[in-house]
Protein backbone atom coordinates (compact mmCIF):
# COMPACT_ATOMS: atom_id res chain seq x y z
CA MET A 1 0.00 0.00 -0.02
CA ALA A 2 1.44 3.43 -0.91
CA VAL A 3 0.01 6.43 0.93
CA THR A 4 0.53 10.05 0.09
CA ASN A 5 -0.98 12.95 2.18
CA ALA A 6 -0.18 16.14 4.18
CA SER A 7 0.15 14.53 7.58
CA ALA A 8 1.33 10.99 8.48
CA GLY A 9 1.35 8.31 5.88
CA LEU A 10 0.46 5.83 8.66
CA TYR A 11 -0.67 7.22 12.00
CA ILE A 12 -0.97 4.63 14.86
CA ASN A 13 -3.28 5.79 17.65
CA GLY A 14 -4.15 2.43 19.29
CA TYR A 15 -2.54 -0.42 21.10
CA ASP A 16 -1.05 -3.77 20.07
CA ASN A 17 -1.28 -3.25 16.34
CA VAL A 18 1.08 -4.54 13.68
CA ALA A 19 2.25 -2.16 10.84
CA ASP A 20 3.95 -4.44 8.40
CA ASN A 21 5.02 -4.04 4.73
CA ASN A 22 3.69 -0.56 4.02
CA GLN A 23 5.13 2.27 1.89
CA MET A 24 4.88 6.01 2.88
CA ILE A 25 6.01 8.63 0.44
CA ASP A 26 5.83 12.48 0.37
CA ASN A 27 4.03 13.06 3.76
CA ASP A 28 5.01 15.09 6.75
CA TRP A 29 5.85 11.84 8.67
CA GLY A 30 6.10 8.32 7.24
CA ILE A 31 4.99 6.30 10.21
CA GLN A 32 4.07 8.13 13.40
CA THR A 33 2.75 6.59 16.65
CA TYR A 34 0.62 8.64 19.07
CA ALA A 35 2.52 9.45 22.30
CA SER A 36 0.35 7.16 24.56
CA ALA A 37 -0.09 4.35 22.02
CA THR A 38 2.00 1.33 23.14
CA GLY A 39 2.56 -2.28 22.28
CA ASN A 40 2.61 -1.74 18.52
CA LEU A 41 4.96 -3.69 16.23
CA ILE A 42 6.47 -1.83 13.18
CA THR A 43 8.33 -4.07 10.65
CA ARG A 44 9.24 -4.26 6.93
CA ASN A 45 8.07 -0.80 6.02
CA ARG A 46 9.43 1.67 3.48
CA ALA A 47 9.40 5.46 3.94
CA SER A 48 10.86 8.08 1.56
CA ARG A 49 10.82 11.90 0.98
CA ASN A 50 8.70 12.63 4.19
CA THR A 51 9.51 16.06 5.24
CA SER A 52 9.60 15.86 9.05
CA ASN A 53 10.68 12.30 9.76
CA ASN A 54 10.30 8.87 8.09
CA PHE A 55 9.75 7.05 11.36
CA GLU A 56 8.61 8.72 14.56
CA ILE A 57 7.93 5.91 16.99
CA ALA A 58 6.94 6.70 20.56
CA ALA A 59 8.42 4.88 23.56
CA GLY A 60 6.65 1.63 24.50
CA ASN A 61 6.44 0.36 20.89
CA ARG A 62 8.72 -2.05 19.09
CA ASP A 63 10.11 -1.30 15.67
CA ALA A 64 12.69 -3.18 13.55
CA GLN A 65 15.93 -1.54 12.66
CA VAL A 66 15.66 1.38 10.18
CA LEU A 67 18.24 0.98 7.40
CA PRO A 68 19.24 3.38 4.59
CA PRO A 69 19.67 1.22 1.52
CA GLY A 70 22.28 2.41 -0.97
CA THR A 71 24.23 1.18 -3.97
CA GLY A 72 24.98 -2.56 -3.55
CA PHE A 73 22.80 -2.61 -0.45
CA VAL A 74 22.76 -6.01 1.37
CA SER A 75 20.85 -6.77 4.62
CA THR A 76 20.43 -10.06 6.46
CA ASP A 77 17.62 -8.59 8.59
CA PRO A 78 14.31 -9.76 7.06
CA TRP A 79 12.32 -7.52 9.50
CA ALA A 80 14.18 -4.24 8.70
CA ASN A 81 12.31 -0.94 7.94
CA PHE A 82 13.86 1.20 5.20
CA ALA A 83 14.22 4.95 4.94
CA TYR A 84 15.49 6.35 1.65
């Protein structure tokens, strides 16, 4: 799913959700979790050209490593999130 808007591409306001395999492009934020939303799992997402931040994850949530892929990029982490 590709999302484009003038706020967050994916805004998580609840508890114990899974955000997996999404793509957020040209937003203010790519993925943003509400300050009191906890227990969410954020994995295998791609965020690009978001003006404020690609990933803004509040404390109490779990997110996979955010990697910046480049030329000849290789990763052994199947759960990684990507910012480019």
